[in-house]
Amino acid sequence: MSHQTSLTERGSFAVARCSCGWAGPARRSRDRARTDAETHALTLPSPSPPPDPVDA
């Protein structure tokens, strides 16, 4: 699953959102909201490598 983050603004607040459905807390600082999104992306589990084929 690809995670694409965006920043949504409502009045004086900014919220980081992700395509996976995650949303960070409302922040007055856009920079802090971007940091929330970066932290979210860094804490995601790494995709598992495909299983090795088994000789039949």
PDB file of N, CA and C in Angstrom:
ATOM      1  N   MET A   1       0.845  -1.177   0.000  1.00  0.00           N
ATOM      2  CA  MET A   1       0.000   0.000   0.000  1.00  0.00           C
ATOM      3  C   MET A   1       0.888   1.236   0.000  1.00  0.00           C
ATOM      4  N   SER A   2       0.590   2.150  -0.882  1.00  0.00           N
ATOM      5  CA  SER A   2       1.356   3.382  -0.978  1.00  0.00           C
ATOM      6  C   SER A   2       0.755   4.430  -0.042  1.00  0.00           C
ATOM      7  N   HIS A   3       1.601   5.100   0.701  1.00  0.00           N
ATOM      8  CA  HIS A   3       1.143   6.137   1.620  1.00  0.00           C
ATOM      9  C   HIS A   3       1.500   7.490   1.037  1.00  0.00           C
ATOM     10  N   GLN A   4       0.479   8.279   0.759  1.00  0.00           N
ATOM     11  CA  GLN A   4       0.687   9.616   0.231  1.00  0.00           C
ATOM     12  C   GLN A   4       0.081  10.598   1.222  1.00  0.00           C
ATOM     13  N   THR A   5       0.911  11.480   1.734  1.00  0.00           N
ATOM     14  CA  THR A   5       0.444  12.438   2.729  1.00  0.00           C
ATOM     15  C   THR A   5       0.109  13.776   2.086  1.00  0.00           C
ATOM     16  N   SER A   6      -0.773  14.486   2.754  1.00  0.00           N
ATOM     17  CA  SER A   6      -1.140  15.826   2.306  1.00  0.00           C
ATOM     18  C   SER A   6      -1.421  16.666   3.543  1.00  0.00           C
ATOM     19  N   LEU A   7      -1.498  17.959   3.336  1.00  0.00           N
ATOM     20  CA  LEU A   7      -1.771  18.891   4.418  1.00  0.00           C
ATOM     21  C   LEU A   7      -3.106  19.556   4.123  1.00  0.00           C
ATOM     22  N   THR A   8      -4.021  19.525   5.077  1.00  0.00           N
ATOM     23  CA  THR A   8      -5.325  20.157   4.937  1.00  0.00           C
ATOM     24  C   THR A   8      -5.392  21.310   5.923  1.00  0.00           C
ATOM     25  N   GLU A   9      -5.874  22.454   5.460  1.00  0.00           N
ATOM     26  CA  GLU A   9      -5.974  23.617   6.336  1.00  0.00           C
ATOM     27  C   GLU A   9      -7.431  23.949   6.597  1.00  0.00           C
ATOM     28  N   ARG A  10      -7.709  24.230   7.864  1.00  0.00           N
ATOM     29  CA  ARG A  10      -9.041  24.677   8.284  1.00  0.00           C
ATOM     30  C   ARG A  10      -8.837  25.876   9.189  1.00  0.00           C
ATOM     31  N   GLY A  11      -9.118  27.037   8.655  1.00  0.00           N
ATOM     32  CA  GLY A  11      -8.886  28.259   9.426  1.00  0.00           C
ATOM     33  C   GLY A  11      -7.405  28.398   9.740  1.00  0.00           C
ATOM     34  N   SER A  12      -7.070  28.547  11.016  1.00  0.00           N
ATOM     35  CA  SER A  12      -5.664  28.713  11.391  1.00  0.00           C
ATOM     36  C   SER A  12      -5.008  27.384  11.772  1.00  0.00           C
ATOM     37  N   PHE A  13      -5.669  26.272  11.486  1.00  0.00           N
ATOM     38  CA  PHE A  13      -5.120  24.960  11.826  1.00  0.00           C
ATOM     39  C   PHE A  13      -4.760  24.165  10.576  1.00  0.00           C
ATOM     40  N   ALA A  14      -3.727  23.327  10.693  1.00  0.00           N
ATOM     41  CA  ALA A  14      -3.306  22.439   9.614  1.00  0.00           C
ATOM     42  C   ALA A  14      -3.335  21.007  10.150  1.00  0.00           C
ATOM     43  N   VAL A  15      -3.776  20.081   9.303  1.00  0.00           N
ATOM     44  CA  VAL A  15      -3.842  18.670   9.678  1.00  0.00           C
ATOM     45  C   VAL A  15      -3.146  17.858   8.600  1.00  0.00           C
ATOM     46  N   ALA A  16      -2.237  16.992   9.018  1.00  0.00           N
ATOM     47  CA  ALA A  16      -1.589  16.078   8.078  1.00  0.00           C
ATOM     48  C   ALA A  16      -2.512  14.875   7.900  1.00  0.00           C
ATOM     49  N   ARG A  17      -2.692  14.442   6.675  1.00  0.00           N
ATOM     50  CA  ARG A  17      -3.533  13.285   6.368  1.00  0.00           C
ATOM     51  C   ARG A  17      -2.772  12.347   5.448  1.00  0.00           C
ATOM     52  N   CYS A  18      -3.147  11.076   5.488  1.00  0.00           N
ATOM     53  CA  CYS A  18      -2.494  10.064   4.666  1.00  0.00           C
ATOM     54  C   CYS A  18      -3.545   9.278   3.896  1.00  0.00           C
ATOM     55  N   SER A  19      -3.136   8.738   2.766  1.00  0.00           N
ATOM     56  CA  SER A  19      -4.049   7.950   1.938  1.00  0.00           C
ATOM     57  C   SER A  19      -4.514   6.675   2.636  1.00  0.00           C
ATOM     58  N   CYS A  20      -3.842   6.252   3.713  1.00  0.00           N
ATOM     59  CA  CYS A  20      -4.247   5.052   4.444  1.00  0.00           C
ATOM     60  C   CYS A  20      -5.384   5.338   5.425  1.00  0.00           C
ATOM     61  N   GLY A  21      -5.769   6.613   5.565  1.00  0.00           N
ATOM     62  CA  GLY A  21      -6.839   6.975   6.477  1.00  0.00           C
ATOM     63  C   GLY A  21      -6.358   7.650   7.747  1.00  0.00           C
ATOM     64  N   TRP A  22      -5.053   7.641   7.993  1.00  0.00           N
ATOM     65  CA  TRP A  22      -4.485   8.273   9.180  1.00  0.00           C
ATOM     66  C   TRP A  22      -4.623   9.787   9.078  1.00  0.00           C
ATOM     67  N   ALA A  23      -4.849  10.433  10.198  1.00  0.00           N
ATOM     68  CA  ALA A  23      -4.854  11.894  10.275  1.00  0.00           C
ATOM     69  C   ALA A  23      -4.173  12.304  11.575  1.00  0.00           C
ATOM     70  N   GLY A  24      -3.295  13.265  11.490  1.00  0.00           N
ATOM     71  CA  GLY A  24      -2.610  13.761  12.673  1.00  0.00           C
ATOM     72  C   GLY A  24      -3.469  14.770  13.410  1.00  0.00           C
ATOM     73  N   PRO A  25      -2.988  15.247  14.540  1.00  0.00           N
ATOM     74  CA  PRO A  25      -3.730  16.253  15.296  1.00  0.00           C
ATOM     75  C   PRO A  25      -3.709  17.609  14.583  1.00  0.00           C
ATOM     76  N   ALA A  26      -4.704  18.431  14.857  1.00  0.00           N
ATOM     77  CA  ALA A  26      -4.739  19.785  14.295  1.00  0.00           C
ATOM     78  C   ALA A  26      -3.615  20.599  14.924  1.00  0.00           C
ATOM     79  N   ARG A  27      -2.875  21.282  14.080  1.00  0.00           N
ATOM     80  CA  ARG A  27      -1.727  22.083  14.544  1.00  0.00           C
ATOM     81  C   ARG A  27      -1.864  23.517  14.041  1.00  0.00           C
ATOM     82  N   ARG A  28      -1.413  24.458  14.844  1.00  0.00           N
ATOM     83  CA  ARG A  28      -1.338  25.851  14.374  1.00  0.00           C
ATOM     84  C   ARG A  28      -0.118  26.035  13.480  1.00  0.00           C
ATOM     85  N   SER A  29       0.868  25.170  13.648  1.00  0.00           N
ATOM     86  CA  SER A  29       2.101  25.245  12.868  1.00  0.00           C
ATOM     87  C   SER A  29       2.032  24.274  11.687  1.00  0.00           C
ATOM     88  N   ARG A  30       2.095  24.821  10.477  1.00  0.00           N
ATOM     89  CA  ARG A  30       2.111  23.954   9.284  1.00  0.00           C
ATOM     90  C   ARG A  30       3.350  23.066   9.289  1.00  0.00           C
ATOM     91  N   ASP A  31       4.460  23.636   9.751  1.00  0.00           N
ATOM     92  CA  ASP A  31       5.708  22.876   9.801  1.00  0.00           C
ATOM     93  C   ASP A  31       5.560  21.656  10.718  1.00  0.00           C
ATOM     94  N   ARG A  32       4.902  21.836  11.853  1.00  0.00           N
ATOM     95  CA  ARG A  32       4.700  20.719  12.790  1.00  0.00           C
ATOM     96  C   ARG A  32       3.774  19.661  12.178  1.00  0.00           C
ATOM     97  N   ALA A  33       2.762  20.094  11.430  1.00  0.00           N
ATOM     98  CA  ALA A  33       1.866  19.151  10.757  1.00  0.00           C
ATOM     99  C   ALA A  33       2.647  18.341   9.707  1.00  0.00           C
ATOM    100  N   ARG A  34       3.560  18.999   8.989  1.00  0.00           N
ATOM    101  CA  ARG A  34       4.404  18.270   8.017  1.00  0.00           C
ATOM    102  C   ARG A  34       5.287  17.252   8.732  1.00  0.00           C
ATOM    103  N   THR A  35       5.815  17.641   9.900  1.00  0.00           N
ATOM    104  CA  THR A  35       6.635  16.718  10.692  1.00  0.00           C
ATOM    105  C   THR A  35       5.801  15.513  11.138  1.00  0.00           C
ATOM    106  N   ASP A  36       4.554  15.743  11.504  1.00  0.00           N
ATOM    107  CA  ASP A  36       3.656  14.632  11.859  1.00  0.00           C
ATOM    108  C   ASP A  36       3.550  13.645  10.692  1.00  0.00           C
ATOM    109  N   ALA A  37       3.392  14.171   9.487  1.00  0.00           N
ATOM    110  CA  ALA A  37       3.268  13.310   8.299  1.00  0.00           C
ATOM    111  C   ALA A  37       4.563  12.537   8.055  1.00  0.00           C
ATOM    112  N   GLU A  38       5.704  13.198   8.193  1.00  0.00           N
ATOM    113  CA  GLU A  38       6.995  12.522   7.992  1.00  0.00           C
ATOM    114  C   GLU A  38       7.193  11.423   9.030  1.00  0.00           C
ATOM    115  N   THR A  39       6.838  11.708  10.278  1.00  0.00           N
ATOM    116  CA  THR A  39       6.965  10.714  11.345  1.00  0.00           C
ATOM    117  C   THR A  39       6.068   9.522  11.067  1.00  0.00           C
ATOM    118  N   HIS A  40       4.852   9.782  10.606  1.00  0.00           N
ATOM    119  CA  HIS A  40       3.929   8.700  10.255  1.00  0.00           C
ATOM    120  C   HIS A  40       4.552   7.803   9.183  1.00  0.00           C
ATOM    121  N   ALA A  41       5.111   8.414   8.152  1.00  0.00           N
ATOM    122  CA  ALA A  41       5.697   7.646   7.051  1.00  0.00           C
ATOM    123  C   ALA A  41       6.902   6.828   7.526  1.00  0.00           C
ATOM    124  N   LEU A  42       7.685   7.366   8.450  1.00  0.00           N
ATOM    125  CA  LEU A  42       8.880   6.663   8.926  1.00  0.00           C
ATOM    126  C   LEU A  42       8.554   5.508   9.867  1.00  0.00           C
ATOM    127  N   THR A  43       7.407   5.548  10.521  1.00  0.00           N
ATOM    128  CA  THR A  43       7.056   4.502  11.480  1.00  0.00           C
ATOM    129  C   THR A  43       6.237   3.383  10.869  1.00  0.00           C
ATOM    130  N   LEU A  44       6.005   3.452   9.567  1.00  0.00           N
ATOM    131  CA  LEU A  44       5.255   2.383   8.893  1.00  0.00           C
ATOM    132  C   LEU A  44       6.122   1.139   8.797  1.00  0.00           C
ATOM    133  N   PRO A  45       5.524  -0.029   8.904  1.00  0.00           N
ATOM    134  CA  PRO A  45       6.315  -1.247   8.736  1.00  0.00           C
ATOM    135  C   PRO A  45       6.833  -1.345   7.304  1.00  0.00           C
ATOM    136  N   SER A  46       8.019  -1.896   7.158  1.00  0.00           N
ATOM    137  CA  SER A  46       8.587  -2.099   5.826  1.00  0.00           C
ATOM    138  C   SER A  46       7.811  -3.194   5.117  1.00  0.00           C
ATOM    139  N   PRO A  47       7.629  -3.045   3.813  1.00  0.00           N
ATOM    140  CA  PRO A  47       6.937  -4.116   3.087  1.00  0.00           C
ATOM    141  C   PRO A  47       7.751  -5.411   3.156  1.00  0.00           C
ATOM    142  N   SER A  48       7.065  -6.505   3.301  1.00  0.00           N
ATOM    143  CA  SER A  48       7.742  -7.803   3.362  1.00  0.00           C
ATOM    144  C   SER A  48       8.202  -8.202   1.973  1.00  0.00           C
ATOM    145  N   PRO A  49       9.391  -8.804   1.882  1.00  0.00           N
ATOM    146  CA  PRO A  49       9.841  -9.268   0.568  1.00  0.00           C
ATOM    147  C   PRO A  49       8.965 -10.460   0.144  1.00  0.00           C
ATOM    148  N   PRO A  50       8.858 -10.683  -1.148  1.00  0.00           N
ATOM    149  CA  PRO A  50       8.049 -11.828  -1.589  1.00  0.00           C
ATOM    150  C   PRO A  50       8.668 -13.132  -1.109  1.00  0.00           C
ATOM    151  N   PRO A  51       7.852 -14.127  -0.845  1.00  0.00           N
ATOM    152  CA  PRO A  51       8.394 -15.409  -0.368  1.00  0.00           C
ATOM    153  C   PRO A  51       9.261 -16.074  -1.443  1.00  0.00           C
ATOM    154  N   ASP A  52      10.247 -16.832  -0.995  1.00  0.00           N
ATOM    155  CA  ASP A  52      11.080 -17.566  -1.938  1.00  0.00           C
ATOM    156  C   ASP A  52      10.261 -18.674  -2.563  1.00  0.00           C
ATOM    157  N   PRO A  53      10.427 -18.878  -3.859  1.00  0.00           N
ATOM    158  CA  PRO A  53       9.686 -19.975  -4.483  1.00  0.00           C
ATOM    159  C   PRO A  53      10.198 -21.316  -3.944  1.00  0.00           C
ATOM    160  N   VAL A  54       9.300 -22.216  -3.762  1.00  0.00           N
ATOM    161  CA  VAL A  54       9.664 -23.552  -3.243  1.00  0.00           C
ATOM    162  C   VAL A  54       9.720 -24.518  -4.425  1.00  0.00           C
ATOM    163  N   ASP A  55      10.844 -25.250  -4.492  1.00  0.00           N
ATOM    164  CA  ASP A  55      10.979 -26.235  -5.572  1.00  0.00           C
ATOM    165  C   ASP A  55      10.022 -27.383  -5.298  1.00  0.00           C
ATOM    166  N   ALA A  56       9.229 -27.740  -6.281  1.00  0.00           N
ATOM    167  CA  ALA A  56       8.258 -28.843  -6.085  1.00  0.00           C
ATOM    168  C   ALA A  56       8.749 -30.125  -6.684  1.00  0.00           C
TER     169      ALA A  56
END
